[in-house]
Protein backbone atom coordinates (compact mmCIF):
# COMPACT_ATOMS: atom_id res chain seq x y z
CA MET A 1 -0.09 0.06 -0.08
CA SER A 2 2.79 2.20 0.49
CA THR A 3 4.25 1.73 -2.77
CA ALA A 4 1.08 2.86 -4.32
CA ARG A 5 1.23 5.63 -2.55
CA HIS A 6 4.73 6.70 -2.87
CA ALA A 7 3.90 6.59 -6.98
CA THR A 8 1.44 9.19 -6.94
CA THR A 9 3.22 11.47 -4.98
CA SER A 10 6.00 11.71 -6.89
CA CYS A 11 4.40 12.48 -10.37
CA ARG A 12 2.39 15.85 -9.00
CA GLY A 13 4.83 18.23 -10.85
CA PHE A 14 5.58 21.66 -10.50
CA SER A 15 3.80 23.90 -8.08
CA LEU A 16 2.95 27.72 -10.14
CA LEU A 17 5.41 29.37 -7.70
CA GLU A 18 8.16 27.15 -8.31
CA ALA A 19 7.04 27.58 -12.39
CA LEU A 20 6.94 31.56 -12.22
CA PHE A 21 10.57 31.40 -10.02
CA ALA A 22 12.09 29.37 -13.31
CA THR A 23 10.32 31.81 -15.56
CA THR A 24 11.79 34.91 -13.75
CA ILE A 25 15.17 33.74 -13.57
CA LEU A 26 15.40 32.40 -17.33
CA ALA A 27 13.79 36.03 -18.00
CA ILE A 28 16.57 38.04 -16.48
CA GLY A 29 19.49 35.36 -18.02
CA VAL A 30 17.67 36.23 -21.44
CA GLY A 31 17.73 40.08 -21.07
CA ALA A 32 21.19 39.78 -19.89
CA LEU A 33 22.59 37.85 -22.96
CA SER A 34 20.65 40.25 -25.29
CA GLU A 35 22.01 43.37 -23.48
CA LEU A 36 25.55 41.64 -23.84
CA ALA A 37 25.18 41.03 -27.89
CA LEU A 38 24.23 44.64 -28.08
CA LEU A 39 27.19 45.65 -26.94
CA SER A 40 29.12 43.30 -28.29
CA ALA A 41 27.91 44.70 -31.91
CA ARG A 42 28.52 48.03 -30.81
CA ALA A 43 31.96 47.45 -30.30
CA GLY A 44 32.59 45.55 -33.10
CA ARG A 45 31.38 48.51 -35.14
CA ASP A 46 33.44 50.88 -32.98
CA SER A 47 36.43 48.80 -33.72
CA SER A 48 35.74 49.09 -37.41
CA LEU A 49 35.63 52.80 -37.36
CA ALA A 50 38.63 53.09 -35.51
CA THR A 51 40.28 50.93 -37.93
CA LEU A 52 39.56 52.69 -40.90
CA ALA A 53 40.12 55.93 -39.72
CA SER A 54 43.58 54.60 -38.85
CA LEU A 55 44.29 53.50 -42.37
CA PHE A 56 42.66 57.08 -43.61
CA ALA A 57 45.05 58.80 -41.22
CA HIS A 58 48.02 56.78 -42.40
CA ASP A 59 47.16 57.71 -46.18
CA LYS A 60 47.21 61.57 -45.62
CA MET A 61 50.30 61.12 -43.35
CA ASN A 62 52.13 59.18 -46.32
CA GLU A 63 50.48 61.55 -48.51
CA LEU A 64 52.10 64.87 -46.90
CA GLY A 65 54.97 63.19 -46.28
CA SER A 66 55.39 62.69 -50.08
CA ASP A 67 54.47 66.33 -50.54
CA ALA A 68 56.60 67.48 -48.29
CA TRP A 69 59.29 69.93 -50.05
CA SER A 70 58.46 68.22 -53.66
CA GLY A 71 58.76 70.35 -56.83
CA GLY A 72 59.88 73.17 -55.07
CA GLY A 73 56.64 74.42 -53.83
CA GLY A 74 56.32 71.84 -50.64
CA LEU A 75 53.65 72.04 -48.16
CA SER A 76 52.93 75.41 -46.59
CA SER A 77 51.98 75.99 -42.92
CA ALA A 78 48.76 75.53 -41.54
CA PRO A 79 46.49 78.10 -40.00
CA PRO A 80 46.31 78.01 -36.13
CA GLU A 81 43.50 75.40 -35.11
CA THR A 82 43.33 73.06 -38.40
CA LEU A 83 42.95 70.37 -36.08
CA ASP A 84 40.27 71.80 -33.95
CA ILE A 85 37.97 73.04 -37.03
CA CYS A 86 37.68 72.39 -40.64
CA THR A 87 39.69 75.23 -42.09
CA GLU A 88 39.52 75.44 -45.72
CA GLY A 89 42.82 73.40 -47.73
CA TYR A 90 43.35 71.64 -44.14
CA CYS A 91 39.83 69.07 -43.84
CA ASP A 92 38.26 66.86 -46.29
CA TYR A 93 35.53 64.68 -45.86
CA LEU A 94 35.22 60.37 -46.56
CA ASP A 95 32.77 58.41 -47.07
CA SER A 96 33.27 54.83 -45.60
CA SER A 97 35.32 53.43 -48.27
CA GLY A 98 37.99 56.36 -47.54
CA ARG A 99 36.86 58.21 -50.86
CA VAL A 100 36.93 62.04 -50.41
CA LEU A 101 33.61 63.57 -50.97
CA GLY A 102 34.65 67.43 -50.66
CA VAL A 103 36.23 69.69 -48.72
CA GLY A 104 35.13 72.98 -47.14
CA SER A 105 34.19 73.92 -43.81
CA MET A 106 30.19 71.74 -43.82
CA PRO A 107 30.48 68.26 -44.47
CA MET A 108 28.69 66.72 -47.59
CA PRO A 109 25.66 64.55 -47.78
CA GLY A 110 27.57 60.50 -46.90
CA THR A 111 30.18 61.84 -44.79
CA VAL A 112 31.16 59.04 -42.38
CA PHE A 113 34.62 60.49 -41.47
CA VAL A 114 36.40 63.99 -41.24
CA ARG A 115 39.94 64.20 -41.85
CA ARG A 116 42.05 67.05 -40.78
CA TRP A 117 45.99 67.98 -40.88
CA SER A 118 47.80 70.92 -40.05
CA VAL A 119 51.64 71.45 -41.09
CA GLU A 120 53.73 73.44 -39.22
CA PRO A 121 57.68 74.13 -39.10
CA LEU A 122 59.42 72.75 -36.43
CA PRO A 123 60.52 75.77 -34.12
CA ALA A 124 64.17 74.02 -33.70
CA ASP A 125 64.66 73.44 -37.27
CA PRO A 126 62.22 75.13 -38.81
CA ALA A 127 63.90 75.41 -42.53
CA ASN A 128 64.86 71.49 -42.74
CA THR A 129 61.89 69.63 -40.39
CA LEU A 130 57.83 70.06 -40.45
CA VAL A 131 55.80 68.63 -37.91
CA LEU A 132 52.71 66.86 -39.80
CA GLN A 133 49.79 65.82 -37.57
CA VAL A 134 46.53 64.01 -39.02
CA VAL A 135 42.94 63.51 -36.99
CA VAL A 136 40.54 61.75 -38.60
CA SER A 137 36.80 61.75 -36.53
CA THR A 138 33.30 60.43 -37.37
CA GLY A 139 31.38 62.09 -39.29
CA ASN A 140 29.14 63.36 -36.47
CA SER A 141 31.83 65.09 -34.54
CA ALA A 142 32.47 67.59 -37.38
CA ASP A 143 32.18 70.31 -35.22
CA ALA A 144 34.26 68.41 -32.29
CA THR A 145 37.31 70.48 -31.25
CA TRP A 146 40.42 67.83 -30.35
CA ALA A 147 40.72 69.41 -27.11
CA ASP A 148 37.37 69.23 -26.18
CA GLU A 149 36.87 66.13 -23.17
CA ALA A 150 33.65 65.40 -24.35
CA HIS A 151 33.88 64.95 -27.49
CA ARG A 152 37.45 62.79 -27.54
CA SER A 153 35.69 59.65 -27.92
CA LEU A 154 34.35 60.90 -31.30
CA VAL A 155 37.97 60.94 -32.62
CA ALA A 156 39.12 57.58 -34.12
CA ALA A 157 42.56 58.36 -34.80
CA TYR A 158 45.41 61.03 -34.53
CA LEU A 159 48.98 60.75 -35.94
CA MET A 160 51.67 62.95 -35.59
CA GLY A 161 54.99 62.71 -37.28
CA LEU A 162 58.36 64.78 -38.17
CA ARG A 163 59.63 65.21 -41.93
CA THR A 164 63.01 66.53 -42.28
CA ARG A 165 64.47 67.63 -45.44
CA LYS A 166 67.73 65.44 -46.18
CA ALA A 167 71.30 66.82 -45.90
CA GLY A 168 72.09 69.04 -48.69
CA GLY A 169 68.81 68.63 -49.98
């Protein structure tokens, strides 16, 4: 008789409270995983933008370096604050593939990156050495300044280099 009674008590299942508790735990776990997936996607996008910005900054740095003292004309010194504000001749707007969309003080439609650069003579050797700087930021930071701490996270790449004239050149 005790065997039959034991069989009926083991088959009763879960109570409503147990089912609600398990469902709540499952919902919290799924919510946390979805938030993690969103963060991962955002980090991947930001990483891609930073990589592209670095490549576009490097391209401009190479272009500036090859223009230094070439053809007799060479590069001219940049006006102050060219890294902070878009200045004619020292700023261009790029799409996601690095194609130049235009220049000027206002971003063009389709702008993903804003690229600014500065060319200044090195004070210790102004006749032979130039300081080249390139800042590439995301398009939504076209009016953000490099020095502005709140907008610094929008800046994706910053390169600085020296270009020195060869002796006797």
